[in-house]
Amino acid sequence: MDKNEIPWIMQNRRRFDRKAVDLSACIGDPRWQRSDFEVITVLDISIGGIRFTVPKSAKLKIQKDNDTDKFVIIFRLPNHCWPIKVQISPQWVREFAEDAQIGATIEKPDYYAYTALQKYVM
């Protein structure tokens, strides 16, 4: 299976259409200072979820099946002036040689983030 291919089991559970992207973003624990955030790459995005890669060298460790983990992702959508900040909850992790791919749900986005995502993916 290609590392950018989403497992078919995950595809069947989707509630929202996803849009493939290649965006640079920052991720971190909500309690961290912004200077401690890690750089990641967002692979696809929807109103309700996000899939991204984290390099193996990152200090951020996202555990499989940990319902209490919450992270903040900050990114900028193309043709959008301001950065978007959302809180996520990881749902699955797939590890590869150089990086790990994570699929996560977006937790209660604010009105600004929700409308920006809605305009972008539709």
N, C-alpha and C. Protein backbone atom coordinates (compact mmCIF):
# COMPACT_ATOMS: atom_id res chain seq x y z
N MET A 1 0.85 -1.18 0.00
CA MET A 1 0.00 0.00 0.00
C MET A 1 0.89 1.24 0.00
N ASP A 2 0.55 2.19 -0.85
CA ASP A 2 1.26 3.46 -0.92
C ASP A 2 1.08 4.20 0.41
N LYS A 3 2.12 4.88 0.88
CA LYS A 3 2.02 5.53 2.18
C LYS A 3 1.05 6.71 2.19
N ASN A 4 0.68 7.25 1.04
CA ASN A 4 -0.30 8.34 0.99
C ASN A 4 -1.72 7.83 0.81
N GLU A 5 -1.87 6.51 0.69
CA GLU A 5 -3.18 5.92 0.50
C GLU A 5 -3.85 5.71 1.86
N ILE A 6 -5.11 6.05 1.96
CA ILE A 6 -5.85 5.93 3.21
C ILE A 6 -6.43 4.52 3.28
N PRO A 7 -6.32 3.86 4.44
CA PRO A 7 -6.89 2.52 4.55
C PRO A 7 -8.38 2.54 4.23
N TRP A 8 -8.87 1.51 3.51
CA TRP A 8 -10.27 1.49 3.08
C TRP A 8 -11.22 1.49 4.26
N ILE A 9 -10.82 0.96 5.39
CA ILE A 9 -11.69 0.96 6.58
C ILE A 9 -11.95 2.41 7.01
N MET A 10 -10.93 3.25 6.99
CA MET A 10 -11.09 4.64 7.38
C MET A 10 -11.95 5.40 6.36
N GLN A 11 -11.83 5.06 5.09
CA GLN A 11 -12.61 5.75 4.07
C GLN A 11 -14.11 5.55 4.27
N ASN A 12 -14.52 4.39 4.72
CA ASN A 12 -15.93 4.09 4.89
C ASN A 12 -16.57 4.83 6.06
N ARG A 13 -15.80 5.32 6.99
CA ARG A 13 -16.33 5.98 8.17
C ARG A 13 -16.43 7.49 8.02
N ARG A 14 -16.05 8.02 6.89
CA ARG A 14 -16.03 9.46 6.69
C ARG A 14 -17.42 10.07 6.64
N ARG A 15 -17.59 11.22 7.30
CA ARG A 15 -18.84 11.96 7.23
C ARG A 15 -18.73 13.14 6.28
N PHE A 16 -17.52 13.63 6.05
CA PHE A 16 -17.31 14.81 5.22
C PHE A 16 -16.31 14.48 4.11
N ASP A 17 -16.48 15.15 2.97
CA ASP A 17 -15.53 14.99 1.88
C ASP A 17 -14.19 15.61 2.26
N ARG A 18 -13.12 14.96 1.85
CA ARG A 18 -11.78 15.47 2.13
C ARG A 18 -11.18 16.07 0.87
N LYS A 19 -10.28 17.02 1.08
CA LYS A 19 -9.57 17.64 -0.03
C LYS A 19 -8.08 17.41 0.19
N ALA A 20 -7.42 16.85 -0.83
CA ALA A 20 -5.98 16.62 -0.74
C ALA A 20 -5.25 17.96 -0.78
N VAL A 21 -4.28 18.11 0.11
CA VAL A 21 -3.49 19.34 0.20
C VAL A 21 -2.04 18.96 0.50
N ASP A 22 -1.19 19.93 0.46
CA ASP A 22 0.21 19.78 0.86
C ASP A 22 0.57 21.07 1.59
N LEU A 23 0.17 21.15 2.87
CA LEU A 23 0.34 22.37 3.64
C LEU A 23 1.33 22.17 4.77
N SER A 24 2.18 23.13 4.97
CA SER A 24 3.05 23.13 6.13
C SER A 24 2.24 23.65 7.32
N ALA A 25 2.42 23.03 8.48
CA ALA A 25 1.65 23.42 9.66
C ALA A 25 2.50 23.22 10.90
N CYS A 26 1.98 23.67 12.03
CA CYS A 26 2.64 23.46 13.33
C CYS A 26 1.67 22.73 14.24
N ILE A 27 2.21 21.81 15.05
CA ILE A 27 1.39 21.05 16.00
C ILE A 27 2.06 21.04 17.35
N GLY A 28 1.24 21.03 18.38
CA GLY A 28 1.78 20.95 19.72
C GLY A 28 0.69 20.68 20.74
N ASP A 29 1.12 20.45 21.94
CA ASP A 29 0.22 20.27 23.07
C ASP A 29 -0.36 21.64 23.41
N PRO A 30 -1.65 21.73 23.72
CA PRO A 30 -2.24 23.03 24.03
C PRO A 30 -1.56 23.77 25.18
N ARG A 31 -0.84 23.04 26.05
CA ARG A 31 -0.15 23.67 27.19
C ARG A 31 1.23 24.20 26.83
N TRP A 32 1.73 23.87 25.64
CA TRP A 32 3.07 24.29 25.23
C TRP A 32 3.10 25.74 24.80
N GLN A 33 4.31 26.31 24.84
CA GLN A 33 4.55 27.60 24.21
C GLN A 33 4.60 27.38 22.70
N ARG A 34 4.22 28.39 21.93
CA ARG A 34 4.22 28.25 20.46
C ARG A 34 5.62 27.92 19.93
N SER A 35 6.67 28.37 20.59
CA SER A 35 8.03 28.11 20.12
C SER A 35 8.40 26.63 20.23
N ASP A 36 7.64 25.85 21.00
CA ASP A 36 7.90 24.42 21.16
C ASP A 36 7.15 23.55 20.16
N PHE A 37 6.28 24.15 19.35
CA PHE A 37 5.49 23.38 18.39
C PHE A 37 6.38 22.75 17.32
N GLU A 38 5.93 21.64 16.77
CA GLU A 38 6.65 20.90 15.74
C GLU A 38 6.09 21.24 14.36
N VAL A 39 6.94 21.17 13.33
CA VAL A 39 6.49 21.38 11.95
C VAL A 39 6.03 20.05 11.38
N ILE A 40 4.85 20.06 10.76
CA ILE A 40 4.27 18.87 10.16
C ILE A 40 3.80 19.21 8.74
N THR A 41 3.33 18.20 8.03
CA THR A 41 2.74 18.41 6.70
C THR A 41 1.32 17.86 6.71
N VAL A 42 0.36 18.70 6.36
CA VAL A 42 -1.04 18.28 6.25
C VAL A 42 -1.24 17.69 4.86
N LEU A 43 -1.79 16.47 4.80
CA LEU A 43 -1.99 15.75 3.54
C LEU A 43 -3.40 15.90 2.99
N ASP A 44 -4.37 15.89 3.87
CA ASP A 44 -5.74 16.16 3.44
C ASP A 44 -6.55 16.70 4.61
N ILE A 45 -7.65 17.37 4.25
CA ILE A 45 -8.42 18.09 5.26
C ILE A 45 -9.89 18.08 4.90
N SER A 46 -10.73 18.12 5.92
CA SER A 46 -12.18 18.26 5.73
C SER A 46 -12.71 19.13 6.87
N ILE A 47 -14.00 19.32 6.88
CA ILE A 47 -14.60 20.11 7.95
C ILE A 47 -14.47 19.38 9.29
N GLY A 48 -14.46 18.07 9.26
CA GLY A 48 -14.44 17.30 10.50
C GLY A 48 -13.15 16.60 10.84
N GLY A 49 -12.15 16.62 9.94
CA GLY A 49 -10.93 15.87 10.22
C GLY A 49 -9.75 16.32 9.41
N ILE A 50 -8.61 15.75 9.75
CA ILE A 50 -7.35 16.13 9.12
C ILE A 50 -6.41 14.92 9.13
N ARG A 51 -5.62 14.78 8.08
CA ARG A 51 -4.59 13.73 8.01
C ARG A 51 -3.27 14.42 7.77
N PHE A 52 -2.25 14.07 8.56
CA PHE A 52 -0.97 14.75 8.48
C PHE A 52 0.18 13.80 8.78
N THR A 53 1.39 14.25 8.46
CA THR A 53 2.59 13.45 8.76
C THR A 53 3.44 14.18 9.80
N VAL A 54 4.05 13.39 10.66
CA VAL A 54 4.97 13.90 11.67
C VAL A 54 6.30 13.19 11.45
N PRO A 55 7.42 13.93 11.33
CA PRO A 55 8.72 13.27 11.15
C PRO A 55 9.11 12.44 12.38
N LYS A 56 9.86 11.37 12.15
CA LYS A 56 10.31 10.52 13.25
C LYS A 56 11.17 11.29 14.26
N SER A 57 11.85 12.34 13.79
CA SER A 57 12.74 13.11 14.68
C SER A 57 11.98 14.05 15.62
N ALA A 58 10.68 14.16 15.46
CA ALA A 58 9.90 15.09 16.29
C ALA A 58 9.84 14.64 17.74
N LYS A 59 9.83 15.61 18.65
CA LYS A 59 9.71 15.27 20.07
C LYS A 59 8.27 14.96 20.45
N LEU A 60 7.35 15.35 19.60
CA LEU A 60 5.94 15.10 19.81
C LEU A 60 5.66 13.62 19.58
N LYS A 61 5.09 12.97 20.55
CA LYS A 61 4.77 11.54 20.43
C LYS A 61 3.27 11.37 20.54
N ILE A 62 2.67 10.92 19.46
CA ILE A 62 1.23 10.69 19.42
C ILE A 62 1.01 9.19 19.55
N GLN A 63 0.30 8.81 20.58
CA GLN A 63 0.07 7.40 20.89
C GLN A 63 -1.20 6.88 20.22
N LYS A 64 -1.15 5.62 19.85
CA LYS A 64 -2.35 4.96 19.32
C LYS A 64 -3.33 4.71 20.46
N ASP A 65 -4.60 4.82 20.16
CA ASP A 65 -5.67 4.47 21.11
C ASP A 65 -5.59 5.21 22.44
N ASN A 66 -5.19 6.48 22.41
CA ASN A 66 -5.16 7.28 23.63
C ASN A 66 -6.25 8.34 23.51
N ASP A 67 -7.38 8.11 24.14
CA ASP A 67 -8.55 8.98 24.00
C ASP A 67 -8.38 10.35 24.65
N THR A 68 -7.38 10.51 25.49
CA THR A 68 -7.22 11.78 26.20
C THR A 68 -6.30 12.75 25.47
N ASP A 69 -5.56 12.29 24.46
CA ASP A 69 -4.64 13.18 23.74
C ASP A 69 -5.41 14.23 22.94
N LYS A 70 -5.05 15.47 23.14
CA LYS A 70 -5.57 16.58 22.36
C LYS A 70 -4.37 17.42 21.95
N PHE A 71 -4.39 17.88 20.70
CA PHE A 71 -3.30 18.70 20.19
C PHE A 71 -3.89 19.90 19.46
N VAL A 72 -3.06 20.91 19.26
CA VAL A 72 -3.46 22.09 18.51
C VAL A 72 -2.66 22.10 17.22
N ILE A 73 -3.34 22.34 16.09
CA ILE A 73 -2.68 22.49 14.80
C ILE A 73 -2.96 23.91 14.30
N ILE A 74 -1.90 24.55 13.81
CA ILE A 74 -2.02 25.88 13.23
C ILE A 74 -1.51 25.80 11.79
N PHE A 75 -2.35 26.25 10.84
CA PHE A 75 -1.98 26.18 9.43
C PHE A 75 -2.64 27.33 8.69
N ARG A 76 -2.18 27.55 7.48
CA ARG A 76 -2.76 28.58 6.63
C ARG A 76 -3.27 27.94 5.35
N LEU A 77 -4.54 28.18 5.05
CA LEU A 77 -5.13 27.68 3.82
C LEU A 77 -4.72 28.56 2.64
N PRO A 78 -4.57 27.98 1.45
CA PRO A 78 -4.26 28.79 0.27
C PRO A 78 -5.36 29.84 0.04
N ASN A 79 -4.97 31.01 -0.38
CA ASN A 79 -5.89 32.12 -0.66
C ASN A 79 -6.69 32.55 0.56
N HIS A 80 -6.14 32.33 1.74
CA HIS A 80 -6.79 32.75 2.98
C HIS A 80 -5.78 33.58 3.77
N CYS A 81 -6.19 34.73 4.23
CA CYS A 81 -5.26 35.68 4.83
C CYS A 81 -4.72 35.29 6.20
N TRP A 82 -5.53 34.68 7.03
CA TRP A 82 -5.15 34.44 8.42
C TRP A 82 -4.95 32.96 8.71
N PRO A 83 -4.08 32.66 9.66
CA PRO A 83 -3.90 31.25 10.04
C PRO A 83 -5.15 30.69 10.73
N ILE A 84 -5.31 29.39 10.59
CA ILE A 84 -6.41 28.65 11.21
C ILE A 84 -5.81 27.86 12.37
N LYS A 85 -6.47 27.91 13.52
CA LYS A 85 -6.03 27.14 14.69
C LYS A 85 -7.18 26.24 15.11
N VAL A 86 -6.92 24.93 15.16
CA VAL A 86 -7.94 23.96 15.57
C VAL A 86 -7.35 22.98 16.57
N GLN A 87 -8.22 22.46 17.43
CA GLN A 87 -7.81 21.41 18.35
C GLN A 87 -8.23 20.08 17.73
N ILE A 88 -7.36 19.09 17.82
CA ILE A 88 -7.63 17.79 17.21
C ILE A 88 -7.51 16.67 18.24
N SER A 89 -8.13 15.56 17.89
CA SER A 89 -8.04 14.34 18.69
C SER A 89 -7.63 13.20 17.75
N PRO A 90 -6.41 12.66 17.90
CA PRO A 90 -5.95 11.59 17.00
C PRO A 90 -6.84 10.35 17.07
N GLN A 91 -7.10 9.76 15.89
CA GLN A 91 -7.92 8.57 15.80
C GLN A 91 -7.13 7.33 15.39
N TRP A 92 -6.10 7.53 14.56
CA TRP A 92 -5.25 6.41 14.14
C TRP A 92 -3.86 6.92 13.80
N VAL A 93 -2.89 6.00 13.92
CA VAL A 93 -1.49 6.31 13.63
C VAL A 93 -0.93 5.18 12.78
N ARG A 94 -0.26 5.52 11.68
CA ARG A 94 0.43 4.54 10.84
C ARG A 94 1.88 4.96 10.77
N GLU A 95 2.78 4.09 11.17
CA GLU A 95 4.20 4.43 11.20
C GLU A 95 4.90 3.91 9.95
N PHE A 96 5.80 4.75 9.42
CA PHE A 96 6.63 4.42 8.27
C PHE A 96 8.09 4.67 8.65
N ALA A 97 9.01 4.41 7.74
CA ALA A 97 10.44 4.53 8.04
C ALA A 97 10.84 5.96 8.43
N GLU A 98 10.38 6.97 7.67
CA GLU A 98 10.82 8.35 7.92
C GLU A 98 9.85 9.17 8.76
N ASP A 99 8.58 8.75 8.79
CA ASP A 99 7.57 9.57 9.46
C ASP A 99 6.40 8.71 9.92
N ALA A 100 5.43 9.35 10.51
CA ALA A 100 4.18 8.69 10.90
C ALA A 100 3.03 9.51 10.34
N GLN A 101 2.00 8.82 9.86
CA GLN A 101 0.79 9.50 9.41
C GLN A 101 -0.26 9.37 10.49
N ILE A 102 -0.96 10.45 10.73
CA ILE A 102 -1.99 10.48 11.76
C ILE A 102 -3.29 10.98 11.16
N GLY A 103 -4.37 10.31 11.47
CA GLY A 103 -5.70 10.77 11.12
C GLY A 103 -6.36 11.25 12.40
N ALA A 104 -6.94 12.44 12.36
CA ALA A 104 -7.52 13.02 13.57
C ALA A 104 -8.82 13.73 13.28
N THR A 105 -9.68 13.79 14.28
CA THR A 105 -10.90 14.58 14.16
C THR A 105 -10.64 15.97 14.70
N ILE A 106 -11.32 16.93 14.10
CA ILE A 106 -11.23 18.31 14.57
C ILE A 106 -12.29 18.48 15.66
N GLU A 107 -11.85 18.90 16.84
CA GLU A 107 -12.73 19.02 18.00
C GLU A 107 -13.32 20.41 18.11
N LYS A 108 -14.61 20.52 17.96
CA LYS A 108 -15.37 21.76 18.16
C LYS A 108 -14.68 23.00 17.61
N PRO A 109 -14.53 23.08 16.28
CA PRO A 109 -13.86 24.27 15.72
C PRO A 109 -14.70 25.53 15.98
N ASP A 110 -14.01 26.65 16.15
CA ASP A 110 -14.75 27.90 16.32
C ASP A 110 -15.36 28.32 14.98
N TYR A 111 -16.19 29.32 15.02
CA TYR A 111 -16.93 29.75 13.82
C TYR A 111 -15.96 30.15 12.70
N TYR A 112 -14.91 30.87 13.03
CA TYR A 112 -13.94 31.33 12.05
C TYR A 112 -13.28 30.14 11.34
N ALA A 113 -12.80 29.17 12.10
CA ALA A 113 -12.14 27.99 11.53
C ALA A 113 -13.12 27.16 10.71
N TYR A 114 -14.32 26.97 11.23
CA TYR A 114 -15.32 26.16 10.54
C TYR A 114 -15.69 26.77 9.19
N THR A 115 -15.95 28.07 9.16
CA THR A 115 -16.36 28.70 7.89
C THR A 115 -15.20 28.73 6.89
N ALA A 116 -13.97 28.94 7.36
CA ALA A 116 -12.82 28.93 6.46
C ALA A 116 -12.63 27.54 5.85
N LEU A 117 -12.74 26.49 6.66
CA LEU A 117 -12.62 25.12 6.16
C LEU A 117 -13.76 24.79 5.20
N GLN A 118 -14.97 25.20 5.55
CA GLN A 118 -16.12 24.93 4.70
C GLN A 118 -15.95 25.57 3.32
N LYS A 119 -15.52 26.81 3.26
CA LYS A 119 -15.31 27.49 1.98
C LYS A 119 -14.20 26.84 1.17
N TYR A 120 -13.16 26.36 1.87
CA TYR A 120 -12.02 25.79 1.17
C TYR A 120 -12.34 24.41 0.58
N VAL A 121 -13.01 23.55 1.32
CA VAL A 121 -13.22 22.18 0.85
C VAL A 121 -14.40 22.04 -0.12
N MET A 122 -15.25 23.04 -0.19
CA MET A 122 -16.40 22.94 -1.10
C MET A 122 -16.15 23.62 -2.41
